[in-house]
Structures are given as structure tokens and as C-alpha cells.
PDB file of N, CA and C in Angstrom:
ATOM      1  N   MET A   1     -22.791  49.665 -59.914  1.00  0.00           N
ATOM      2  CA  MET A   1     -22.715  49.165 -58.546  1.00  0.00           C
ATOM      3  C   MET A   1     -21.429  48.369 -58.396  1.00  0.00           C
ATOM      4  N   ASP A   2     -20.607  48.748 -57.454  1.00  0.00           N
ATOM      5  CA  ASP A   2     -19.373  48.036 -57.143  1.00  0.00           C
ATOM      6  C   ASP A   2     -19.686  47.021 -56.045  1.00  0.00           C
ATOM      7  N   LEU A   3     -20.031  45.812 -56.451  1.00  0.00           N
ATOM      8  CA  LEU A   3     -20.443  44.791 -55.490  1.00  0.00           C
ATOM      9  C   LEU A   3     -19.331  44.425 -54.517  1.00  0.00           C
ATOM     10  N   ALA A   4     -18.126  44.167 -55.042  1.00  0.00           N
ATOM     11  CA  ALA A   4     -17.003  43.775 -54.187  1.00  0.00           C
ATOM     12  C   ALA A   4     -16.643  44.897 -53.221  1.00  0.00           C
ATOM     13  N   GLY A   5     -16.646  46.127 -53.710  1.00  0.00           N
ATOM     14  CA  GLY A   5     -16.341  47.267 -52.844  1.00  0.00           C
ATOM     15  C   GLY A   5     -17.372  47.452 -51.748  1.00  0.00           C
ATOM     16  N   THR A   6     -18.643  47.290 -52.096  1.00  0.00           N
ATOM     17  CA  THR A   6     -19.715  47.413 -51.109  1.00  0.00           C
ATOM     18  C   THR A   6     -19.592  46.322 -50.050  1.00  0.00           C
ATOM     19  N   ALA A   7     -19.284  45.100 -50.474  1.00  0.00           N
ATOM     20  CA  ALA A   7     -19.110  43.994 -49.525  1.00  0.00           C
ATOM     21  C   ALA A   7     -17.906  44.242 -48.614  1.00  0.00           C
ATOM     22  N   ALA A   8     -16.815  44.745 -49.199  1.00  0.00           N
ATOM     23  CA  ALA A   8     -15.604  45.000 -48.409  1.00  0.00           C
ATOM     24  C   ALA A   8     -15.809  46.128 -47.404  1.00  0.00           C
ATOM     25  N   ASP A   9     -16.668  47.077 -47.736  1.00  0.00           N
ATOM     26  CA  ASP A   9     -16.913  48.228 -46.865  1.00  0.00           C
ATOM     27  C   ASP A   9     -18.075  48.018 -45.900  1.00  0.00           C
ATOM     28  N   ALA A  10     -18.517  46.795 -45.729  1.00  0.00           N
ATOM     29  CA  ALA A  10     -19.710  46.510 -44.919  1.00  0.00           C
ATOM     30  C   ALA A  10     -19.484  46.669 -43.424  1.00  0.00           C
ATOM     31  N   GLY A  11     -18.239  46.856 -43.013  1.00  0.00           N
ATOM     32  CA  GLY A  11     -17.965  47.112 -41.605  1.00  0.00           C
ATOM     33  C   GLY A  11     -18.347  45.975 -40.670  1.00  0.00           C
ATOM     34  N   GLY A  12     -18.207  44.738 -41.112  1.00  0.00           N
ATOM     35  CA  GLY A  12     -18.507  43.598 -40.265  1.00  0.00           C
ATOM     36  C   GLY A  12     -19.969  43.193 -40.255  1.00  0.00           C
ATOM     37  N   ARG A  13     -20.835  43.951 -40.939  1.00  0.00           N
ATOM     38  CA  ARG A  13     -22.251  43.561 -41.010  1.00  0.00           C
ATOM     39  C   ARG A  13     -22.380  42.260 -41.788  1.00  0.00           C
ATOM     40  N   THR A  14     -23.331  41.436 -41.412  1.00  0.00           N
ATOM     41  CA  THR A  14     -23.593  40.195 -42.126  1.00  0.00           C
ATOM     42  C   THR A  14     -25.073  40.107 -42.476  1.00  0.00           C
ATOM     43  N   GLY A  15     -25.383  39.182 -43.376  1.00  0.00           N
ATOM     44  CA  GLY A  15     -26.740  39.070 -43.890  1.00  0.00           C
ATOM     45  C   GLY A  15     -26.870  39.949 -45.118  1.00  0.00           C
ATOM     46  N   VAL A  16     -28.057  40.430 -45.398  1.00  0.00           N
ATOM     47  CA  VAL A  16     -28.283  41.294 -46.559  1.00  0.00           C
ATOM     48  C   VAL A  16     -27.714  42.675 -46.261  1.00  0.00           C
ATOM     49  N   ILE A  17     -26.752  43.119 -47.086  1.00  0.00           N
ATOM     50  CA  ILE A  17     -26.134  44.429 -46.861  1.00  0.00           C
ATOM     51  C   ILE A  17     -26.516  45.456 -47.927  1.00  0.00           C
ATOM     52  N   TRP A  18     -27.176  45.018 -48.991  1.00  0.00           N
ATOM     53  CA  TRP A  18     -27.657  45.922 -50.036  1.00  0.00           C
ATOM     54  C   TRP A  18     -28.805  45.238 -50.771  1.00  0.00           C
ATOM     55  N   THR A  19     -29.811  46.024 -51.168  1.00  0.00           N
ATOM     56  CA  THR A  19     -30.955  45.516 -51.923  1.00  0.00           C
ATOM     57  C   THR A  19     -31.274  46.475 -53.063  1.00  0.00           C
ATOM     58  N   LEU A  20     -31.554  45.924 -54.234  1.00  0.00           N
ATOM     59  CA  LEU A  20     -31.984  46.708 -55.385  1.00  0.00           C
ATOM     60  C   LEU A  20     -33.387  47.243 -55.118  1.00  0.00           C
ATOM     61  N   LEU A  21     -33.549  48.558 -55.248  1.00  0.00           N
ATOM     62  CA  LEU A  21     -34.841  49.172 -54.977  1.00  0.00           C
ATOM     63  C   LEU A  21     -35.493  49.751 -56.229  1.00  0.00           C
ATOM     64  N   GLU A  22     -34.767  49.778 -57.351  1.00  0.00           N
ATOM     65  CA  GLU A  22     -35.237  50.489 -58.532  1.00  0.00           C
ATOM     66  C   GLU A  22     -36.072  49.666 -59.503  1.00  0.00           C
ATOM     67  N   SER A  23     -36.401  48.431 -59.199  1.00  0.00           N
ATOM     68  CA  SER A  23     -37.137  47.587 -60.133  1.00  0.00           C
ATOM     69  C   SER A  23     -38.425  47.071 -59.508  1.00  0.00           C
ATOM     70  N   ASP A  24     -39.488  47.089 -60.306  1.00  0.00           N
ATOM     71  CA  ASP A  24     -40.751  46.516 -59.861  1.00  0.00           C
ATOM     72  C   ASP A  24     -40.824  45.021 -60.141  1.00  0.00           C
ATOM     73  N   ASP A  25     -39.935  44.517 -61.020  1.00  0.00           N
ATOM     74  CA  ASP A  25     -39.994  43.130 -61.474  1.00  0.00           C
ATOM     75  C   ASP A  25     -38.916  42.228 -60.877  1.00  0.00           C
ATOM     76  N   LEU A  26     -37.738  42.791 -60.603  1.00  0.00           N
ATOM     77  CA  LEU A  26     -36.609  41.984 -60.141  1.00  0.00           C
ATOM     78  C   LEU A  26     -36.208  42.345 -58.720  1.00  0.00           C
ATOM     79  N   ASN A  27     -35.650  41.360 -58.042  1.00  0.00           N
ATOM     80  CA  ASN A  27     -35.089  41.576 -56.724  1.00  0.00           C
ATOM     81  C   ASN A  27     -33.644  41.122 -56.754  1.00  0.00           C
ATOM     82  N   ALA A  28     -32.753  41.925 -56.235  1.00  0.00           N
ATOM     83  CA  ALA A  28     -31.339  41.566 -56.117  1.00  0.00           C
ATOM     84  C   ALA A  28     -30.878  41.956 -54.717  1.00  0.00           C
ATOM     85  N   ASN A  29     -30.103  41.062 -54.102  1.00  0.00           N
ATOM     86  CA  ASN A  29     -29.599  41.301 -52.748  1.00  0.00           C
ATOM     87  C   ASN A  29     -28.131  40.940 -52.691  1.00  0.00           C
ATOM     88  N   LEU A  30     -27.321  41.812 -52.108  1.00  0.00           N
ATOM     89  CA  LEU A  30     -25.929  41.505 -51.823  1.00  0.00           C
ATOM     90  C   LEU A  30     -25.880  40.995 -50.395  1.00  0.00           C
ATOM     91  N   VAL A  31     -25.366  39.780 -50.241  1.00  0.00           N
ATOM     92  CA  VAL A  31     -25.374  39.097 -48.943  1.00  0.00           C
ATOM     93  C   VAL A  31     -23.926  38.829 -48.531  1.00  0.00           C
ATOM     94  N   ARG A  32     -23.622  39.015 -47.251  1.00  0.00           N
ATOM     95  CA  ARG A  32     -22.256  38.843 -46.752  1.00  0.00           C
ATOM     96  C   ARG A  32     -22.286  38.024 -45.470  1.00  0.00           C
ATOM     97  N   PHE A  33     -21.384  37.038 -45.394  1.00  0.00           N
ATOM     98  CA  PHE A  33     -21.245  36.235 -44.185  1.00  0.00           C
ATOM     99  C   PHE A  33     -19.772  36.049 -43.854  1.00  0.00           C
ATOM    100  N   GLU A  34     -19.495  35.834 -42.581  1.00  0.00           N
ATOM    101  CA  GLU A  34     -18.147  35.507 -42.132  1.00  0.00           C
ATOM    102  C   GLU A  34     -18.040  33.982 -42.036  1.00  0.00           C
ATOM    103  N   ALA A  35     -16.831  33.493 -41.807  1.00  0.00           N
ATOM    104  CA  ALA A  35     -16.566  32.048 -41.792  1.00  0.00           C
ATOM    105  C   ALA A  35     -17.554  31.299 -40.903  1.00  0.00           C
ATOM    106  N   GLY A  36     -18.127  30.227 -41.454  1.00  0.00           N
ATOM    107  CA  GLY A  36     -19.034  29.380 -40.709  1.00  0.00           C
ATOM    108  C   GLY A  36     -20.465  29.868 -40.633  1.00  0.00           C
ATOM    109  N   GLU A  37     -20.721  31.083 -41.088  1.00  0.00           N
ATOM    110  CA  GLU A  37     -22.078  31.613 -41.082  1.00  0.00           C
ATOM    111  C   GLU A  37     -22.776  31.262 -42.392  1.00  0.00           C
ATOM    112  N   GLY A  38     -24.074  31.446 -42.427  1.00  0.00           N
ATOM    113  CA  GLY A  38     -24.808  31.192 -43.656  1.00  0.00           C
ATOM    114  C   GLY A  38     -26.296  31.227 -43.469  1.00  0.00           C
ATOM    115  N   VAL A  39     -26.985  30.547 -44.364  1.00  0.00           N
ATOM    116  CA  VAL A  39     -28.437  30.470 -44.348  1.00  0.00           C
ATOM    117  C   VAL A  39     -28.814  29.010 -44.116  1.00  0.00           C
ATOM    118  N   ASP A  40     -29.608  28.758 -43.089  1.00  0.00           N
ATOM    119  CA  ASP A  40     -30.033  27.392 -42.784  1.00  0.00           C
ATOM    120  C   ASP A  40     -30.837  26.788 -43.930  1.00  0.00           C
ATOM    121  N   GLU A  41     -30.869  25.468 -43.964  1.00  0.00           N
ATOM    122  CA  GLU A  41     -31.603  24.756 -45.008  1.00  0.00           C
ATOM    123  C   GLU A  41     -33.081  25.155 -44.991  1.00  0.00           C
ATOM    124  N   HIS A  42     -33.600  25.386 -46.185  1.00  0.00           N
ATOM    125  CA  HIS A  42     -35.001  25.761 -46.336  1.00  0.00           C
ATOM    126  C   HIS A  42     -35.456  25.417 -47.750  1.00  0.00           C
ATOM    127  N   ILE A  43     -36.742  25.499 -47.976  1.00  0.00           N
ATOM    128  CA  ILE A  43     -37.299  25.315 -49.314  1.00  0.00           C
ATOM    129  C   ILE A  43     -37.998  26.601 -49.700  1.00  0.00           C
ATOM    130  N   ASN A  44     -37.679  27.112 -50.879  1.00  0.00           N
ATOM    131  CA  ASN A  44     -38.346  28.295 -51.414  1.00  0.00           C
ATOM    132  C   ASN A  44     -39.221  27.825 -52.569  1.00  0.00           C
ATOM    133  N   ASP A  45     -40.517  27.796 -52.362  1.00  0.00           N
ATOM    134  CA  ASP A  45     -41.446  27.336 -53.392  1.00  0.00           C
ATOM    135  C   ASP A  45     -41.901  28.455 -54.325  1.00  0.00           C
ATOM    136  N   GLU A  46     -41.352  29.675 -54.153  1.00  0.00           N
ATOM    137  CA  GLU A  46     -41.859  30.816 -54.910  1.00  0.00           C
ATOM    138  C   GLU A  46     -41.104  31.120 -56.205  1.00  0.00           C
ATOM    139  N   VAL A  47     -39.767  31.117 -56.175  1.00  0.00           N
ATOM    140  CA  VAL A  47     -38.994  31.595 -57.330  1.00  0.00           C
ATOM    141  C   VAL A  47     -37.691  30.817 -57.508  1.00  0.00           C
ATOM    142  N   ASP A  48     -37.196  30.759 -58.762  1.00  0.00           N
ATOM    143  CA  ASP A  48     -35.823  30.338 -59.028  1.00  0.00           C
ATOM    144  C   ASP A  48     -34.916  31.467 -58.548  1.00  0.00           C
ATOM    145  N   VAL A  49     -33.725  31.116 -58.060  1.00  0.00           N
ATOM    146  CA  VAL A  49     -32.781  32.125 -57.571  1.00  0.00           C
ATOM    147  C   VAL A  49     -31.422  31.887 -58.207  1.00  0.00           C
ATOM    148  N   ILE A  50     -30.828  32.964 -58.730  1.00  0.00           N
ATOM    149  CA  ILE A  50     -29.455  32.931 -59.240  1.00  0.00           C
ATOM    150  C   ILE A  50     -28.547  33.478 -58.147  1.00  0.00           C
ATOM    151  N   PHE A  51     -27.497  32.726 -57.828  1.00  0.00           N
ATOM    152  CA  PHE A  51     -26.463  33.154 -56.891  1.00  0.00           C
ATOM    153  C   PHE A  51     -25.210  33.469 -57.702  1.00  0.00           C
ATOM    154  N   VAL A  52     -24.629  34.654 -57.521  1.00  0.00           N
ATOM    155  CA  VAL A  52     -23.394  35.041 -58.203  1.00  0.00           C
ATOM    156  C   VAL A  52     -22.358  35.363 -57.132  1.00  0.00           C
ATOM    157  N   GLY A  53     -21.237  34.637 -57.150  1.00  0.00           N
ATOM    158  CA  GLY A  53     -20.174  34.885 -56.183  1.00  0.00           C
ATOM    159  C   GLY A  53     -19.544  36.245 -56.380  1.00  0.00           C
ATOM    160  N   VAL A  54     -19.299  36.966 -55.285  1.00  0.00           N
ATOM    161  CA  VAL A  54     -18.684  38.300 -55.330  1.00  0.00           C
ATOM    162  C   VAL A  54     -17.297  38.276 -54.703  1.00  0.00           C
ATOM    163  N   SER A  55     -17.155  37.688 -53.514  1.00  0.00           N
ATOM    164  CA  SER A  55     -15.844  37.600 -52.864  1.00  0.00           C
ATOM    165  C   SER A  55     -15.813  36.399 -51.932  1.00  0.00           C
ATOM    166  N   GLY A  56     -14.621  35.889 -51.697  1.00  0.00           N
ATOM    167  CA  GLY A  56     -14.460  34.740 -50.828  1.00  0.00           C
ATOM    168  C   GLY A  56     -14.998  33.479 -51.471  1.00  0.00           C
ATOM    169  N   THR A  57     -15.193  32.453 -50.630  1.00  0.00           N
ATOM    170  CA  THR A  57     -15.677  31.162 -51.103  1.00  0.00           C
ATOM    171  C   THR A  57     -16.752  30.644 -50.162  1.00  0.00           C
ATOM    172  N   GLY A  58     -17.772  30.055 -50.758  1.00  0.00           N
ATOM    173  CA  GLY A  58     -18.834  29.454 -49.980  1.00  0.00           C
ATOM    174  C   GLY A  58     -19.408  28.280 -50.731  1.00  0.00           C
ATOM    175  N   SER A  59     -20.417  27.680 -50.154  1.00  0.00           N
ATOM    176  CA  SER A  59     -21.078  26.583 -50.850  1.00  0.00           C
ATOM    177  C   SER A  59     -22.580  26.753 -50.755  1.00  0.00           C
ATOM    178  N   ILE A  60     -23.227  26.330 -51.826  1.00  0.00           N
ATOM    179  CA  ILE A  60     -24.676  26.284 -51.888  1.00  0.00           C
ATOM    180  C   ILE A  60     -25.024  24.795 -51.923  1.00  0.00           C
ATOM    181  N   LEU A  61     -25.744  24.333 -50.939  1.00  0.00           N
ATOM    182  CA  LEU A  61     -26.183  22.941 -50.918  1.00  0.00           C
ATOM    183  C   LEU A  61     -27.605  22.923 -51.465  1.00  0.00           C
ATOM    184  N   THR A  62     -27.793  22.248 -52.601  1.00  0.00           N
ATOM    185  CA  THR A  62     -29.090  22.202 -53.269  1.00  0.00           C
ATOM    186  C   THR A  62     -29.521  20.752 -53.407  1.00  0.00           C
ATOM    187  N   ASN A  63     -30.600  20.395 -52.719  1.00  0.00           N
ATOM    188  CA  ASN A  63     -31.098  19.017 -52.726  1.00  0.00           C
ATOM    189  C   ASN A  63     -29.985  18.011 -52.459  1.00  0.00           C
ATOM    190  N   GLY A  64     -29.114  18.342 -51.498  1.00  0.00           N
ATOM    191  CA  GLY A  64     -28.044  17.440 -51.099  1.00  0.00           C
ATOM    192  C   GLY A  64     -26.781  17.522 -51.928  1.00  0.00           C
ATOM    193  N   GLU A  65     -26.779  18.308 -53.005  1.00  0.00           N
ATOM    194  CA  GLU A  65     -25.608  18.443 -53.866  1.00  0.00           C
ATOM    195  C   GLU A  65     -24.895  19.763 -53.552  1.00  0.00           C
ATOM    196  N   GLU A  66     -23.610  19.659 -53.186  1.00  0.00           N
ATOM    197  CA  GLU A  66     -22.830  20.853 -52.861  1.00  0.00           C
ATOM    198  C   GLU A  66     -22.276  21.485 -54.125  1.00  0.00           C
ATOM    199  N   ARG A  67     -22.461  22.794 -54.227  1.00  0.00           N
ATOM    200  CA  ARG A  67     -21.901  23.569 -55.339  1.00  0.00           C
ATOM    201  C   ARG A  67     -21.098  24.711 -54.745  1.00  0.00           C
ATOM    202  N   ARG A  68     -19.828  24.788 -55.134  1.00  0.00           N
ATOM    203  CA  ARG A  68     -18.957  25.853 -54.631  1.00  0.00           C
ATOM    204  C   ARG A  68     -19.279  27.157 -55.349  1.00  0.00           C
ATOM    205  N   LEU A  69     -19.222  28.250 -54.612  1.00  0.00           N
ATOM    206  CA  LEU A  69     -19.472  29.571 -55.168  1.00  0.00           C
ATOM    207  C   LEU A  69     -18.320  30.473 -54.766  1.00  0.00           C
ATOM    208  N   SER A  70     -17.688  31.095 -55.751  1.00  0.00           N
ATOM    209  CA  SER A  70     -16.603  32.048 -55.508  1.00  0.00           C
ATOM    210  C   SER A  70     -16.774  33.190 -56.493  1.00  0.00           C
ATOM    211  N   ALA A  71     -15.909  34.196 -56.401  1.00  0.00           N
ATOM    212  CA  ALA A  71     -16.040  35.389 -57.241  1.00  0.00           C
ATOM    213  C   ALA A  71     -16.128  35.010 -58.717  1.00  0.00           C
ATOM    214  N   GLY A  72     -17.186  35.466 -59.370  1.00  0.00           N
ATOM    215  CA  GLY A  72     -17.357  35.241 -60.798  1.00  0.00           C
ATOM    216  C   GLY A  72     -18.065  33.959 -61.169  1.00  0.00           C
ATOM    217  N   THR A  73     -18.449  33.137 -60.193  1.00  0.00           N
ATOM    218  CA  THR A  73     -19.174  31.909 -60.521  1.00  0.00           C
ATOM    219  C   THR A  73     -20.659  32.106 -60.247  1.00  0.00           C
ATOM    220  N   LEU A  74     -21.469  31.235 -60.844  1.00  0.00           N
ATOM    221  CA  LEU A  74     -22.920  31.358 -60.757  1.00  0.00           C
ATOM    222  C   LEU A  74     -23.528  29.996 -60.448  1.00  0.00           C
ATOM    223  N   VAL A  75     -24.528  29.983 -59.588  1.00  0.00           N
ATOM    224  CA  VAL A  75     -25.287  28.781 -59.272  1.00  0.00           C
ATOM    225  C   VAL A  75     -26.769  29.127 -59.388  1.00  0.00           C
ATOM    226  N   LEU A  76     -27.526  28.254 -60.052  1.00  0.00           N
ATOM    227  CA  LEU A  76     -28.975  28.408 -60.140  1.00  0.00           C
ATOM    228  C   LEU A  76     -29.623  27.439 -59.161  1.00  0.00           C
ATOM    229  N   ALA A  77     -30.464  27.959 -58.282  1.00  0.00           N
ATOM    230  CA  ALA A  77     -31.245  27.130 -57.365  1.00  0.00           C
ATOM    231  C   ALA A  77     -32.701  27.211 -57.822  1.00  0.00           C
ATOM    232  N   ARG A  78     -33.211  26.098 -58.261  1.00  0.00           N
ATOM    233  CA  ARG A  78     -34.580  26.043 -58.788  1.00  0.00           C
ATOM    234  C   ARG A  78     -35.621  26.188 -57.676  1.00  0.00           C
ATOM    235  N   ARG A  79     -36.722  26.755 -58.035  1.00  0.00           N
ATOM    236  CA  ARG A  79     -37.870  26.860 -57.132  1.00  0.00           C
ATOM    237  C   ARG A  79     -38.222  25.453 -56.640  1.00  0.00           C
ATOM    238  N   GLY A  80     -38.479  25.339 -55.358  1.00  0.00           N
ATOM    239  CA  GLY A  80     -38.840  24.058 -54.775  1.00  0.00           C
ATOM    240  C   GLY A  80     -37.667  23.228 -54.289  1.00  0.00           C
ATOM    241  N   ALA A  81     -36.446  23.660 -54.584  1.00  0.00           N
ATOM    242  CA  ALA A  81     -35.264  22.910 -54.137  1.00  0.00           C
ATOM    243  C   ALA A  81     -34.993  23.185 -52.655  1.00  0.00           C
ATOM    244  N   ARG A  82     -34.538  22.162 -51.954  1.00  0.00           N
ATOM    245  CA  ARG A  82     -34.075  22.327 -50.575  1.00  0.00           C
ATOM    246  C   ARG A  82     -32.660  22.888 -50.664  1.00  0.00           C
ATOM    247  N   ARG A  83     -32.380  24.011 -49.985  1.00  0.00           N
ATOM    248  CA  ARG A  83     -31.062  24.623 -50.136  1.00  0.00           C
ATOM    249  C   ARG A  83     -30.610  25.317 -48.862  1.00  0.00           C
ATOM    250  N   SER A  84     -29.280  25.487 -48.790  1.00  0.00           N
ATOM    251  CA  SER A  84     -28.650  26.224 -47.700  1.00  0.00           C
ATOM    252  C   SER A  84     -27.378  26.862 -48.243  1.00  0.00           C
ATOM    253  N   VAL A  85     -26.837  27.813 -47.488  1.00  0.00           N
ATOM    254  CA  VAL A  85     -25.625  28.534 -47.878  1.00  0.00           C
ATOM    255  C   VAL A  85     -24.665  28.509 -46.696  1.00  0.00           C
ATOM    256  N   LEU A  86     -23.364  28.314 -46.976  1.00  0.00           N
ATOM    257  CA  LEU A  86     -22.348  28.301 -45.926  1.00  0.00           C
ATOM    258  C   LEU A  86     -21.096  29.019 -46.404  1.00  0.00           C
ATOM    259  N   SER A  87     -20.602  29.955 -45.594  1.00  0.00           N
ATOM    260  CA  SER A  87     -19.334  30.627 -45.887  1.00  0.00           C
ATOM    261  C   SER A  87     -18.191  29.691 -45.549  1.00  0.00           C
ATOM    262  N   ARG A  88     -17.261  29.522 -46.482  1.00  0.00           N
ATOM    263  CA  ARG A  88     -16.103  28.649 -46.280  1.00  0.00           C
ATOM    264  C   ARG A  88     -14.793  29.441 -46.236  1.00  0.00           C
ATOM    265  N   SER A  89     -14.906  30.761 -46.224  1.00  0.00           N
ATOM    266  CA  SER A  89     -13.716  31.610 -46.120  1.00  0.00           C
ATOM    267  C   SER A  89     -13.969  32.659 -45.043  1.00  0.00           C
ATOM    268  N   GLU A  90     -12.948  33.429 -44.729  1.00  0.00           N
ATOM    269  CA  GLU A  90     -13.060  34.429 -43.674  1.00  0.00           C
ATOM    270  C   GLU A  90     -14.251  35.352 -43.918  1.00  0.00           C
ATOM    271  N   VAL A  91     -14.403  35.801 -45.167  1.00  0.00           N
ATOM    272  CA  VAL A  91     -15.545  36.615 -45.568  1.00  0.00           C
ATOM    273  C   VAL A  91     -16.030  36.091 -46.911  1.00  0.00           C
ATOM    274  N   PHE A  92     -17.335  35.935 -47.051  1.00  0.00           N
ATOM    275  CA  PHE A  92     -17.955  35.423 -48.267  1.00  0.00           C
ATOM    276  C   PHE A  92     -19.134  36.315 -48.609  1.00  0.00           C
ATOM    277  N   SER A  93     -19.167  36.792 -49.850  1.00  0.00           N
ATOM    278  CA  SER A  93     -20.307  37.593 -50.266  1.00  0.00           C
ATOM    279  C   SER A  93     -20.792  37.129 -51.632  1.00  0.00           C
ATOM    280  N   TYR A  94     -22.090  37.286 -51.850  1.00  0.00           N
ATOM    281  CA  TYR A  94     -22.692  36.860 -53.106  1.00  0.00           C
ATOM    282  C   TYR A  94     -23.922  37.715 -53.393  1.00  0.00           C
ATOM    283  N   LEU A  95     -24.318  37.718 -54.645  1.00  0.00           N
ATOM    284  CA  LEU A  95     -25.495  38.430 -55.094  1.00  0.00           C
ATOM    285  C   LEU A  95     -26.571  37.406 -55.419  1.00  0.00           C
ATOM    286  N   THR A  96     -27.798  37.641 -54.961  1.00  0.00           N
ATOM    287  CA  THR A  96     -28.923  36.822 -55.380  1.00  0.00           C
ATOM    288  C   THR A  96     -29.806  37.653 -56.293  1.00  0.00           C
ATOM    289  N   ILE A  97     -30.340  37.005 -57.323  1.00  0.00           N
ATOM    290  CA  ILE A  97     -31.229  37.677 -58.272  1.00  0.00           C
ATOM    291  C   ILE A  97     -32.424  36.760 -58.521  1.00  0.00           C
ATOM    292  N   HIS A  98     -33.612  37.321 -58.434  1.00  0.00           N
ATOM    293  CA  HIS A  98     -34.825  36.547 -58.697  1.00  0.00           C
ATOM    294  C   HIS A  98     -35.989  37.485 -58.988  1.00  0.00           C
ATOM    295  N   ARG A  99     -37.069  36.908 -59.457  1.00  0.00           N
ATOM    296  CA  ARG A  99     -38.291  37.667 -59.680  1.00  0.00           C
ATOM    297  C   ARG A  99     -38.755  38.231 -58.338  1.00  0.00           C
ATOM    298  N   ARG A 100     -39.253  39.450 -58.344  1.00  0.00           N
ATOM    299  CA  ARG A 100     -39.668  40.100 -57.096  1.00  0.00           C
ATOM    300  C   ARG A 100     -40.787  39.308 -56.418  1.00  0.00           C
ATOM    301  N   ARG A 101     -40.703  39.278 -55.116  1.00  0.00           N
ATOM    302  CA  ARG A 101     -41.709  38.665 -54.248  1.00  0.00           C
ATOM    303  C   ARG A 101     -41.726  39.459 -52.964  1.00  0.00           C
ATOM    304  N   GLY A 102     -42.204  38.919 -51.878  1.00  0.00           N
ATOM    305  CA  GLY A 102     -42.219  39.636 -50.606  1.00  0.00           C
ATOM    306  C   GLY A 102     -40.810  39.918 -50.113  1.00  0.00           C
ATOM    307  N   PRO A 103     -40.679  40.700 -49.045  1.00  0.00           N
ATOM    308  CA  PRO A 103     -39.361  41.079 -48.519  1.00  0.00           C
ATOM    309  C   PRO A 103     -38.523  39.875 -48.128  1.00  0.00           C
ATOM    310  N   LEU A 104     -37.209  39.940 -48.409  1.00  0.00           N
ATOM    311  CA  LEU A 104     -36.267  38.898 -48.048  1.00  0.00           C
ATOM    312  C   LEU A 104     -35.872  39.095 -46.593  1.00  0.00           C
ATOM    313  N   GLN A 105     -35.818  37.999 -45.837  1.00  0.00           N
ATOM    314  CA  GLN A 105     -35.462  38.084 -44.440  1.00  0.00           C
ATOM    315  C   GLN A 105     -34.410  37.055 -44.117  1.00  0.00           C
ATOM    316  N   ILE A 106     -33.149  37.403 -44.355  1.00  0.00           N
ATOM    317  CA  ILE A 106     -32.020  36.519 -44.054  1.00  0.00           C
ATOM    318  C   ILE A 106     -31.323  37.049 -42.825  1.00  0.00           C
ATOM    319  N   GLU A 107     -31.092  36.192 -41.886  1.00  0.00           N
ATOM    320  CA  GLU A 107     -30.342  36.551 -40.690  1.00  0.00           C
ATOM    321  C   GLU A 107     -29.106  35.684 -40.617  1.00  0.00           C
ATOM    322  N   SER A 108     -28.041  36.240 -40.098  1.00  0.00           N
ATOM    323  CA  SER A 108     -26.799  35.506 -39.923  1.00  0.00           C
ATOM    324  C   SER A 108     -26.950  34.500 -38.805  1.00  0.00           C
ATOM    325  N   LYS A 109     -26.437  33.279 -39.031  1.00  0.00           N
ATOM    326  CA  LYS A 109     -26.435  32.248 -37.993  1.00  0.00           C
ATOM    327  C   LYS A 109     -25.059  31.624 -37.968  1.00  0.00           C
ATOM    328  N   ALA A 110     -24.409  31.646 -36.828  1.00  0.00           N
ATOM    329  CA  ALA A 110     -23.113  30.981 -36.704  1.00  0.00           C
ATOM    330  C   ALA A 110     -23.350  29.480 -36.673  1.00  0.00           C
ATOM    331  N   ARG A 111     -22.434  28.747 -37.300  1.00  0.00           N
ATOM    332  CA  ARG A 111     -22.572  27.285 -37.320  1.00  0.00           C
ATOM    333  C   ARG A 111     -21.533  26.652 -36.452  1.00  0.00           C
TER     334      ARG A 111
END
């Protein structure tokens, strides 16, 4: 899977642009946002989530602590943590990986 290529070819789509369908145990989502967009603050009490930067720069705010995410970096957000995501570059994409649960529903929100 060419994550950076898939993100670059997204044609302006934002939010979840690709989802792993071949595993019964794991869930992976490629997410793309434009500058100022992201995921509003929320608490996920179900699973730990790994964020892997694919392109651009963004930040993951976890329990009030900002962590920068860029291509090749990784952030772990523990289950139960209050978190949000914000694109800090023209285009920001990242991969999330976690134990499978119900369908992911991320929508783009301009800030």
C-alpha cells in the first residue's frame, strides 16, 4: 500500500480516504485533512490508537498535551484519553491503527 501516493491522489477528499478491509482483528484508516481541518476533541473509551504521519504536519492533542505528527512519526493515544487532531499544513494525512471495533465515522470540520 502506497500511503503517501493514495493521500496525494485523493482529489481533495478529506476525512477517511482508505480503510483496511482484509483483517478481522485490526482496523487501519488513512485520513486526510486540509489546513485548519481535523477531528474535534473527543474521548475514545474503546481502544488504544496508533497515529502514523504520512504527509504534511499536524498535531494530536492528548489530554491537553500537544504532539506534532509528520511523515514517519508515531503517536500513541491511550484508550480513555481526551484527544483531537488538527492539520497544520496545506495537506495533512496520517494512518490510524487499532484493534477492530465498530465503523469509524470521521467527518471533516473546518476550524
